[in-house]
C-alpha atoms as a PDB file:
ATOM      1  CA  UNK A   1       6.607 -13.114 -10.180  1.00  0.00           C
ATOM      2  CA  UNK A   2       5.867 -14.077  -6.563  1.00  0.00           C
ATOM      3  CA  UNK A   3       5.546 -11.079  -4.384  1.00  0.00           C
ATOM      4  CA  UNK A   4       5.212 -10.122  -0.634  1.00  0.00           C
ATOM      5  CA  UNK A   5       2.061  -8.198   0.705  1.00  0.00           C
ATOM      6  CA  UNK A   6       2.108  -6.010   3.487  1.00  0.00           C
ATOM      7  CA  UNK A   7      -0.834  -4.243   5.059  1.00  0.00           C
ATOM      8  CA  UNK A   8      -0.239  -0.776   6.992  1.00  0.00           C
ATOM      9  CA  UNK A   9      -2.902   0.754   9.022  1.00  0.00           C
ATOM     10  CA  UNK A  10      -3.331   4.516   8.053  1.00  0.00           C
ATOM     11  CA  UNK A  11      -2.352   6.485  11.216  1.00  0.00           C
ATOM     12  CA  UNK A  12      -5.247   9.030  10.775  1.00  0.00           C
ATOM     13  CA  UNK A  13      -8.051   6.639   9.904  1.00  0.00           C
ATOM     14  CA  UNK A  14      -7.931   3.327  11.540  1.00  0.00           C
ATOM     15  CA  UNK A  15     -10.506   1.999   9.278  1.00  0.00           C
ATOM     16  CA  UNK A  16      -8.316   2.357   6.339  1.00  0.00           C
ATOM     17  CA  UNK A  17      -5.640   0.005   5.318  1.00  0.00           C
ATOM     18  CA  UNK A  18      -2.931   0.459   2.864  1.00  0.00           C
ATOM     19  CA  UNK A  19      -2.216  -2.775   0.797  1.00  0.00           C
ATOM     20  CA  UNK A  20       1.256  -2.764  -0.367  1.00  0.00           C
ATOM     21  CA  UNK A  21       2.693  -5.414  -2.871  1.00  0.00           C
ATOM     22  CA  UNK A  22       6.399  -5.848  -3.564  1.00  0.00           C
ATOM     23  CA  UNK A  23       7.685  -8.131  -6.347  1.00  0.00           C
ATOM     24  CA  UNK A  24      11.021  -9.676  -6.479  1.00  0.00           C
ATOM     25  CA  UNK A  25      11.651  -7.483  -9.751  1.00  0.00           C
ATOM     26  CA  UNK A  26      11.492  -4.271  -7.453  1.00  0.00           C
ATOM     27  CA  UNK A  27       8.194  -2.808  -8.424  1.00  0.00           C
ATOM     28  CA  UNK A  28       5.877  -1.616  -5.772  1.00  0.00           C
ATOM     29  CA  UNK A  29       1.971  -1.562  -5.974  1.00  0.00           C
ATOM     30  CA  UNK A  30      -0.452   0.117  -3.584  1.00  0.00           C
ATOM     31  CA  UNK A  31      -4.177  -0.209  -3.049  1.00  0.00           C
ATOM     32  CA  UNK A  32      -6.545   0.511  -0.096  1.00  0.00           C
ATOM     33  CA  UNK A  33      -8.827  -1.485   2.134  1.00  0.00           C
ATOM     34  CA  UNK A  34     -11.492   0.687   3.880  1.00  0.00           C
ATOM     35  CA  UNK A  35     -13.575  -1.254   6.457  1.00  0.00           C
ATOM     36  CA  UNK A  36     -12.086  -4.510   5.039  1.00  0.00           C
ATOM     37  CA  UNK A  37     -13.244  -3.917   1.485  1.00  0.00           C
ATOM     38  CA  UNK A  38     -10.924  -3.324  -1.477  1.00  0.00           C
ATOM     39  CA  UNK A  39     -11.509   0.482  -2.308  1.00  0.00           C
ATOM     40  CA  UNK A  40      -9.809   0.290  -5.908  1.00  0.00           C
ATOM     41  CA  UNK A  41     -10.323  -2.290  -8.581  1.00  0.00           C
ATOM     42  CA  UNK A  42      -6.642  -2.408  -9.478  1.00  0.00           C
ATOM     43  CA  UNK A  43      -3.302  -1.765  -7.848  1.00  0.00           C
ATOM     44  CA  UNK A  44      -1.331   1.388  -8.629  1.00  0.00           C
ATOM     45  CA  UNK A  45       2.430   1.226  -9.221  1.00  0.00           C
ATOM     46  CA  UNK A  46       4.417   3.517  -7.137  1.00  0.00           C
ATOM     47  CA  UNK A  47       8.241   4.033  -6.464  1.00  0.00           C
ATOM     48  CA  UNK A  48       9.696   3.235  -3.018  1.00  0.00           C
ATOM     49  CA  UNK A  49      10.658   6.965  -2.637  1.00  0.00           C
ATOM     50  CA  UNK A  50       6.763   7.656  -2.726  1.00  0.00           C
ATOM     51  CA  UNK A  51       5.774   4.972  -0.296  1.00  0.00           C
ATOM     52  CA  UNK A  52       8.586   6.463   2.071  1.00  0.00           C
ATOM     53  CA  UNK A  53       7.031   9.853   1.504  1.00  0.00           C
ATOM     54  CA  UNK A  54       3.401   9.504   1.805  1.00  0.00           C
ATOM     55  CA  UNK A  55       2.868   6.498   4.220  1.00  0.00           C
ATOM     56  CA  UNK A  56       5.940   6.619   6.409  1.00  0.00           C
ATOM     57  CA  UNK A  57       6.758  10.162   6.689  1.00  0.00           C
ATOM     58  CA  UNK A  58       3.634  11.521   7.483  1.00  0.00           C
ATOM     59  CA  UNK A  59       2.898   9.861  10.696  1.00  0.00           C
END
């Protein structure tokens, strides 16, 4: 399962980056980097709708 990784800078905190993995099967996983270090130990599975609502609509 190869996937693509996208990094999105948080609009309210420039030291926080959202790391989004998208796999070919359609699943999305999210994690955070704060000051260049991974915040959580694992990625959390989310829906595309959640990504749109939380990451893109609030800016």
